Amino acid sequence: MDNLNIEQSNCSYIVWGVVIAGTVIGLSTEFMLNFLGIGLGLSTVEMSSGSLLKAGIGSIIWLIASSCLAMGLAGLIGVTSSNISCAKTRAIHGFLIWGLSTLLSIMIASAVAGSMLGGASNIIKTSLKNINPQYVSTAVEYSKDISDAGNKTDKIEKTAQDAMDSTGKTSIAIFAVFLLSALSCMTGAYYGGSKQRYNNENTLV
């Protein structure tokens, strides 16, 4: 088998052990950095409009930086232990590491969000059971008086528009995080891994 066949055979397979190892490294590092960011943010934020705006911008920057760092390390360290000398295959491994890490992160976040919503729903149900019916009827009458006191259409439209703008900006930010973290993971994997080369006698050099 000549050098070309050796190089081609090294580019023709996926090592799933490398993908799993990189995913473990990426998720562990990302969760650690996220908790660090939460701790730093909560300890420095102040309850004012300007401070909250800065905290929101800072959290987005931290999320992008931590995701890129975690995925870059995942690709680099995960592929370093392999004997893959083909750079293209290493980059593919990096993309698979990012994809698996992203899917697991979404599943974990969905499970946590579901648990939080379930707990909040139980709290609301318990609170409603303890409310005096007289207070409920008074609140209903008060709400009717407010609704009859003017046209609220403009406020409702403005609130809906603000919600759509916020959702759009959040979606763009999430897309940026995914794109940059994927590129970071592929770059780390591309420059990691084995640098094995073969001489004319088909032996490692």
C-alpha atoms as a PDB file:
ATOM      1  CA  MET A   1       0.000   0.000   0.000  1.00  0.00           C
ATOM      2  CA  ASP A   2       1.511   3.334  -1.022  1.00  0.00           C
ATOM      3  CA  ASN A   3       1.437   6.671   0.777  1.00  0.00           C
ATOM      4  CA  LEU A   4      -1.671   7.880  -1.052  1.00  0.00           C
ATOM      5  CA  ASN A   5      -3.686   4.828  -0.062  1.00  0.00           C
ATOM      6  CA  ILE A   6      -2.601   5.184   3.564  1.00  0.00           C
ATOM      7  CA  GLU A   7      -3.660   8.827   3.667  1.00  0.00           C
ATOM      8  CA  GLN A   8      -6.979   8.059   1.966  1.00  0.00           C
ATOM      9  CA  SER A   9      -7.748   5.211   4.369  1.00  0.00           C
ATOM     10  CA  ASN A  10      -7.079   7.588   7.258  1.00  0.00           C
ATOM     11  CA  CYS A  11      -9.716   9.964   5.864  1.00  0.00           C
ATOM     12  CA  SER A  12     -12.445   7.401   5.324  1.00  0.00           C
ATOM     13  CA  TYR A  13     -13.805   6.681   8.796  1.00  0.00           C
ATOM     14  CA  ILE A  14     -15.412   8.315  11.855  1.00  0.00           C
ATOM     15  CA  VAL A  15     -14.109   7.489  15.332  1.00  0.00           C
ATOM     16  CA  TRP A  16     -17.168   7.815  17.568  1.00  0.00           C
ATOM     17  CA  GLY A  17     -15.058   7.434  20.688  1.00  0.00           C
ATOM     18  CA  VAL A  18     -13.385  10.710  19.763  1.00  0.00           C
ATOM     19  CA  VAL A  19     -16.791  12.365  19.254  1.00  0.00           C
ATOM     20  CA  ILE A  20     -18.070  11.185  22.634  1.00  0.00           C
ATOM     21  CA  ALA A  21     -14.872  12.210  24.424  1.00  0.00           C
ATOM     22  CA  GLY A  22     -14.978  15.656  22.844  1.00  0.00           C
ATOM     23  CA  THR A  23     -18.647  16.030  23.743  1.00  0.00           C
ATOM     24  CA  VAL A  24     -17.933  15.241  27.403  1.00  0.00           C
ATOM     25  CA  ILE A  25     -15.107  17.779  27.472  1.00  0.00           C
ATOM     26  CA  GLY A  26     -17.198  20.439  25.734  1.00  0.00           C
ATOM     27  CA  LEU A  27     -20.294  20.082  27.915  1.00  0.00           C
ATOM     28  CA  SER A  28     -18.285  19.991  31.137  1.00  0.00           C
ATOM     29  CA  THR A  29     -16.287  23.074  30.215  1.00  0.00           C
ATOM     30  CA  GLU A  30     -19.321  24.981  28.971  1.00  0.00           C
ATOM     31  CA  PHE A  31     -21.407  24.277  32.084  1.00  0.00           C
ATOM     32  CA  MET A  32     -18.498  25.289  34.299  1.00  0.00           C
ATOM     33  CA  LEU A  33     -18.012  28.577  32.433  1.00  0.00           C
ATOM     34  CA  ASN A  34     -21.761  29.272  32.394  1.00  0.00           C
ATOM     35  CA  PHE A  35     -22.031  28.894  36.163  1.00  0.00           C
ATOM     36  CA  LEU A  36     -19.003  31.153  36.548  1.00  0.00           C
ATOM     37  CA  GLY A  37     -20.719  33.758  34.364  1.00  0.00           C
ATOM     38  CA  ILE A  38     -23.953  33.490  36.354  1.00  0.00           C
ATOM     39  CA  GLY A  39     -22.064  33.976  39.611  1.00  0.00           C
ATOM     40  CA  LEU A  40     -20.129  36.978  38.350  1.00  0.00           C
ATOM     41  CA  GLY A  41     -23.243  38.529  36.812  1.00  0.00           C
ATOM     42  CA  LEU A  42     -25.463  38.175  39.869  1.00  0.00           C
ATOM     43  CA  SER A  43     -22.769  39.506  42.175  1.00  0.00           C
ATOM     44  CA  THR A  44     -22.210  42.682  40.148  1.00  0.00           C
ATOM     45  CA  VAL A  45     -25.612  43.586  38.668  1.00  0.00           C
ATOM     46  CA  GLU A  46     -27.664  46.404  40.152  1.00  0.00           C
ATOM     47  CA  MET A  47     -31.435  46.869  39.879  1.00  0.00           C
ATOM     48  CA  SER A  48     -31.456  49.796  37.480  1.00  0.00           C
ATOM     49  CA  SER A  49     -32.350  50.085  33.811  1.00  0.00           C
ATOM     50  CA  GLY A  50     -28.825  50.997  32.720  1.00  0.00           C
ATOM     51  CA  SER A  51     -27.222  48.247  34.780  1.00  0.00           C
ATOM     52  CA  LEU A  52     -29.675  45.644  33.544  1.00  0.00           C
ATOM     53  CA  LEU A  53     -28.984  46.639  29.924  1.00  0.00           C
ATOM     54  CA  LYS A  54     -25.236  46.290  30.468  1.00  0.00           C
ATOM     55  CA  ALA A  55     -25.804  42.956  32.195  1.00  0.00           C
ATOM     56  CA  GLY A  56     -27.811  41.714  29.219  1.00  0.00           C
ATOM     57  CA  ILE A  57     -25.113  42.714  26.741  1.00  0.00           C
ATOM     58  CA  GLY A  58     -22.424  41.254  28.979  1.00  0.00           C
ATOM     59  CA  SER A  59     -24.296  37.961  29.291  1.00  0.00           C
ATOM     60  CA  ILE A  60     -24.509  37.638  25.498  1.00  0.00           C
ATOM     61  CA  ILE A  61     -20.790  38.357  25.117  1.00  0.00           C
ATOM     62  CA  TRP A  62     -19.964  35.871  27.888  1.00  0.00           C
ATOM     63  CA  LEU A  63     -22.196  33.214  26.312  1.00  0.00           C
ATOM     64  CA  ILE A  64     -20.488  33.577  22.937  1.00  0.00           C
ATOM     65  CA  ALA A  65     -16.993  33.582  24.449  1.00  0.00           C
ATOM     66  CA  SER A  66     -17.626  30.631  26.772  1.00  0.00           C
ATOM     67  CA  SER A  67     -19.267  28.571  24.028  1.00  0.00           C
ATOM     68  CA  CYS A  68     -16.408  29.210  21.594  1.00  0.00           C
ATOM     69  CA  LEU A  69     -13.783  28.404  24.234  1.00  0.00           C
ATOM     70  CA  ALA A  70     -15.537  25.231  25.395  1.00  0.00           C
ATOM     71  CA  MET A  71     -16.148  23.930  21.877  1.00  0.00           C
ATOM     72  CA  GLY A  72     -12.645  24.859  20.759  1.00  0.00           C
ATOM     73  CA  LEU A  73     -11.155  22.867  23.637  1.00  0.00           C
ATOM     74  CA  ALA A  74     -13.573  20.011  22.935  1.00  0.00           C
ATOM     75  CA  GLY A  75     -12.441  19.774  19.322  1.00  0.00           C
ATOM     76  CA  LEU A  76      -8.759  20.216  20.112  1.00  0.00           C
ATOM     77  CA  ILE A  77      -8.472  17.857  23.079  1.00  0.00           C
ATOM     78  CA  GLY A  78     -11.001  15.341  21.798  1.00  0.00           C
ATOM     79  CA  VAL A  79      -9.196  14.822  18.498  1.00  0.00           C
ATOM     80  CA  THR A  80      -5.655  15.085  19.924  1.00  0.00           C
ATOM     81  CA  SER A  81      -5.821  11.558  21.355  1.00  0.00           C
ATOM     82  CA  SER A  82      -6.725  10.069  17.968  1.00  0.00           C
ATOM     83  CA  ASN A  83      -4.429   8.913  15.186  1.00  0.00           C
ATOM     84  CA  ILE A  84      -6.293  10.818  12.487  1.00  0.00           C
ATOM     85  CA  SER A  85      -3.764  12.521  10.236  1.00  0.00           C
ATOM     86  CA  CYS A  86      -6.314  13.809   7.700  1.00  0.00           C
ATOM     87  CA  ALA A  87      -7.208  17.426   8.496  1.00  0.00           C
ATOM     88  CA  LYS A  88     -10.558  17.226   6.717  1.00  0.00           C
ATOM     89  CA  THR A  89     -11.614  14.232   8.793  1.00  0.00           C
ATOM     90  CA  ARG A  90     -10.535  15.997  11.987  1.00  0.00           C
ATOM     91  CA  ALA A  91     -12.717  18.970  11.050  1.00  0.00           C
ATOM     92  CA  ILE A  92     -15.665  16.622  10.454  1.00  0.00           C
ATOM     93  CA  HIS A  93     -15.088  15.120  13.892  1.00  0.00           C
ATOM     94  CA  GLY A  94     -15.155  18.638  15.320  1.00  0.00           C
ATOM     95  CA  PHE A  95     -18.500  19.322  13.672  1.00  0.00           C
ATOM     96  CA  LEU A  96     -19.928  16.061  15.045  1.00  0.00           C
ATOM     97  CA  ILE A  97     -18.668  16.957  18.528  1.00  0.00           C
ATOM     98  CA  TRP A  98     -20.390  20.336  18.277  1.00  0.00           C
ATOM     99  CA  GLY A  99     -23.616  18.797  16.966  1.00  0.00           C
ATOM    100  CA  LEU A 100     -23.860  16.178  19.710  1.00  0.00           C
ATOM    101  CA  SER A 101     -22.976  18.720  22.394  1.00  0.00           C
ATOM    102  CA  THR A 102     -25.620  21.130  21.105  1.00  0.00           C
ATOM    103  CA  LEU A 103     -28.344  18.473  21.026  1.00  0.00           C
ATOM    104  CA  LEU A 104     -27.545  17.326  24.569  1.00  0.00           C
ATOM    105  CA  SER A 105     -27.463  20.934  25.793  1.00  0.00           C
ATOM    106  CA  ILE A 106     -30.902  21.598  24.284  1.00  0.00           C
ATOM    107  CA  MET A 107     -32.293  18.425  25.871  1.00  0.00           C
ATOM    108  CA  ILE A 108     -30.888  19.349  29.292  1.00  0.00           C
ATOM    109  CA  ALA A 109     -32.126  22.933  29.045  1.00  0.00           C
ATOM    110  CA  SER A 110     -35.595  21.744  27.989  1.00  0.00           C
ATOM    111  CA  ALA A 111     -35.768  19.319  30.916  1.00  0.00           C
ATOM    112  CA  VAL A 112     -34.707  22.015  33.394  1.00  0.00           C
ATOM    113  CA  ALA A 113     -37.167  24.530  31.930  1.00  0.00           C
ATOM    114  CA  GLY A 114     -39.975  21.960  32.098  1.00  0.00           C
ATOM    115  CA  SER A 115     -39.216  21.253  35.743  1.00  0.00           C
ATOM    116  CA  MET A 116     -39.182  24.961  36.573  1.00  0.00           C
ATOM    117  CA  LEU A 117     -42.473  25.583  34.773  1.00  0.00           C
ATOM    118  CA  GLY A 118     -44.040  22.606  36.509  1.00  0.00           C
ATOM    119  CA  GLY A 119     -42.955  23.908  39.902  1.00  0.00           C
ATOM    120  CA  ALA A 120     -44.241  27.394  39.116  1.00  0.00           C
ATOM    121  CA  SER A 121     -47.564  25.960  37.955  1.00  0.00           C
ATOM    122  CA  ASN A 122     -47.972  24.051  41.211  1.00  0.00           C
ATOM    123  CA  ILE A 123     -47.226  27.196  43.216  1.00  0.00           C
ATOM    124  CA  ILE A 124     -49.819  29.180  41.242  1.00  0.00           C
ATOM    125  CA  LYS A 125     -52.454  26.478  41.681  1.00  0.00           C
ATOM    126  CA  THR A 126     -51.808  26.354  45.440  1.00  0.00           C
ATOM    127  CA  SER A 127     -52.014  30.132  45.678  1.00  0.00           C
ATOM    128  CA  LEU A 128     -55.288  30.280  43.755  1.00  0.00           C
ATOM    129  CA  LYS A 129     -56.856  27.748  46.085  1.00  0.00           C
ATOM    130  CA  ASN A 130     -56.057  29.981  49.065  1.00  0.00           C
ATOM    131  CA  ILE A 131     -57.482  33.163  47.545  1.00  0.00           C
ATOM    132  CA  ASN A 132     -60.728  34.464  49.049  1.00  0.00           C
ATOM    133  CA  PRO A 133     -63.501  34.354  46.397  1.00  0.00           C
ATOM    134  CA  GLN A 134     -64.534  37.857  47.450  1.00  0.00           C
ATOM    135  CA  TYR A 135     -61.159  39.188  46.373  1.00  0.00           C
ATOM    136  CA  VAL A 136     -61.493  37.422  43.028  1.00  0.00           C
ATOM    137  CA  SER A 137     -64.884  38.981  42.303  1.00  0.00           C
ATOM    138  CA  THR A 138     -63.569  42.408  43.309  1.00  0.00           C
ATOM    139  CA  ALA A 139     -60.575  42.008  41.011  1.00  0.00           C
ATOM    140  CA  VAL A 140     -62.822  40.971  38.124  1.00  0.00           C
ATOM    141  CA  GLU A 141     -65.024  44.005  38.566  1.00  0.00           C
ATOM    142  CA  TYR A 142     -61.972  46.256  38.780  1.00  0.00           C
ATOM    143  CA  SER A 143     -60.537  44.792  35.596  1.00  0.00           C
ATOM    144  CA  LYS A 144     -63.824  45.406  33.793  1.00  0.00           C
ATOM    145  CA  ASP A 145     -63.787  49.039  34.881  1.00  0.00           C
ATOM    146  CA  ILE A 146     -60.236  49.432  33.598  1.00  0.00           C
ATOM    147  CA  SER A 147     -61.046  47.810  30.252  1.00  0.00           C
ATOM    148  CA  ASP A 148     -63.994  50.129  29.817  1.00  0.00           C
ATOM    149  CA  ALA A 149     -61.954  53.210  30.687  1.00  0.00           C
ATOM    150  CA  GLY A 150     -60.388  53.607  27.269  1.00  0.00           C
ATOM    151  CA  ASN A 151     -59.067  51.943  24.194  1.00  0.00           C
ATOM    152  CA  LYS A 152     -56.084  49.651  24.959  1.00  0.00           C
ATOM    153  CA  THR A 153     -55.428  48.576  21.401  1.00  0.00           C
ATOM    154  CA  ASP A 154     -52.336  50.749  20.917  1.00  0.00           C
ATOM    155  CA  LYS A 155     -50.731  49.468  24.091  1.00  0.00           C
ATOM    156  CA  ILE A 156     -51.445  45.875  23.144  1.00  0.00           C
ATOM    157  CA  GLU A 157     -49.943  46.379  19.681  1.00  0.00           C
ATOM    158  CA  LYS A 158     -46.862  48.061  21.141  1.00  0.00           C
ATOM    159  CA  THR A 159     -46.394  45.245  23.631  1.00  0.00           C
ATOM    160  CA  ALA A 160     -46.735  42.642  20.869  1.00  0.00           C
ATOM    161  CA  GLN A 161     -44.249  44.527  18.673  1.00  0.00           C
ATOM    162  CA  ASP A 162     -41.748  44.756  21.519  1.00  0.00           C
ATOM    163  CA  ALA A 163     -42.136  41.042  22.171  1.00  0.00           C
ATOM    164  CA  MET A 164     -41.527  40.221  18.499  1.00  0.00           C
ATOM    165  CA  ASP A 165     -38.453  42.485  18.393  1.00  0.00           C
ATOM    166  CA  SER A 166     -37.023  40.843  21.498  1.00  0.00           C
ATOM    167  CA  THR A 167     -37.688  37.382  20.093  1.00  0.00           C
ATOM    168  CA  GLY A 168     -36.008  38.288  16.814  1.00  0.00           C
ATOM    169  CA  LYS A 169     -32.910  39.691  18.501  1.00  0.00           C
ATOM    170  CA  THR A 170     -32.689  36.673  20.795  1.00  0.00           C
ATOM    171  CA  SER A 171     -32.928  34.304  17.816  1.00  0.00           C
ATOM    172  CA  ILE A 172     -30.124  36.152  16.016  1.00  0.00           C
ATOM    173  CA  ALA A 173     -27.954  36.011  19.146  1.00  0.00           C
ATOM    174  CA  ILE A 174     -28.558  32.261  19.518  1.00  0.00           C
ATOM    175  CA  PHE A 175     -27.707  31.734  15.843  1.00  0.00           C
ATOM    176  CA  ALA A 176     -24.451  33.654  16.337  1.00  0.00           C
ATOM    177  CA  VAL A 177     -23.579  31.502  19.357  1.00  0.00           C
ATOM    178  CA  PHE A 178     -24.245  28.288  17.433  1.00  0.00           C
ATOM    179  CA  LEU A 179     -22.331  29.402  14.339  1.00  0.00           C
ATOM    180  CA  LEU A 180     -19.263  30.680  16.175  1.00  0.00           C
ATOM    181  CA  SER A 181     -19.101  27.692  18.520  1.00  0.00           C
ATOM    182  CA  ALA A 182     -19.359  25.297  15.553  1.00  0.00           C
ATOM    183  CA  LEU A 183     -16.524  27.080  13.728  1.00  0.00           C
ATOM    184  CA  SER A 184     -14.471  27.109  16.933  1.00  0.00           C
ATOM    185  CA  CYS A 185     -14.939  23.374  17.461  1.00  0.00           C
ATOM    186  CA  MET A 186     -14.056  22.552  13.850  1.00  0.00           C
ATOM    187  CA  THR A 187     -10.996  24.801  14.013  1.00  0.00           C
ATOM    188  CA  GLY A 188      -9.788  23.198  17.235  1.00  0.00           C
ATOM    189  CA  ALA A 189     -10.244  19.730  15.775  1.00  0.00           C
ATOM    190  CA  TYR A 190      -8.584  20.769  12.507  1.00  0.00           C
ATOM    191  CA  TYR A 191      -5.386  21.826  14.270  1.00  0.00           C
ATOM    192  CA  GLY A 192      -5.475  18.986  16.803  1.00  0.00           C
ATOM    193  CA  GLY A 193      -4.974  15.296  16.257  1.00  0.00           C
ATOM    194  CA  SER A 194      -2.160  13.280  14.859  1.00  0.00           C
ATOM    195  CA  LYS A 195       0.537  14.759  12.669  1.00  0.00           C
ATOM    196  CA  GLN A 196       1.678  11.359  11.420  1.00  0.00           C
ATOM    197  CA  ARG A 197       3.370  11.222   8.032  1.00  0.00           C
ATOM    198  CA  TYR A 198       4.703   8.309   6.002  1.00  0.00           C
ATOM    199  CA  ASN A 199       8.013   8.018   4.160  1.00  0.00           C
ATOM    200  CA  ASN A 200       8.663   6.229   0.929  1.00  0.00           C
ATOM    201  CA  GLU A 201       8.837   2.850   2.707  1.00  0.00           C
ATOM    202  CA  ASN A 202       5.317   3.334   4.163  1.00  0.00           C
ATOM    203  CA  THR A 203       6.578   3.667   7.727  1.00  0.00           C
ATOM    204  CA  LEU A 204       5.821   6.440  10.167  1.00  0.00           C
ATOM    205  CA  VAL A 205       8.232   9.364  10.345  1.00  0.00           C
END
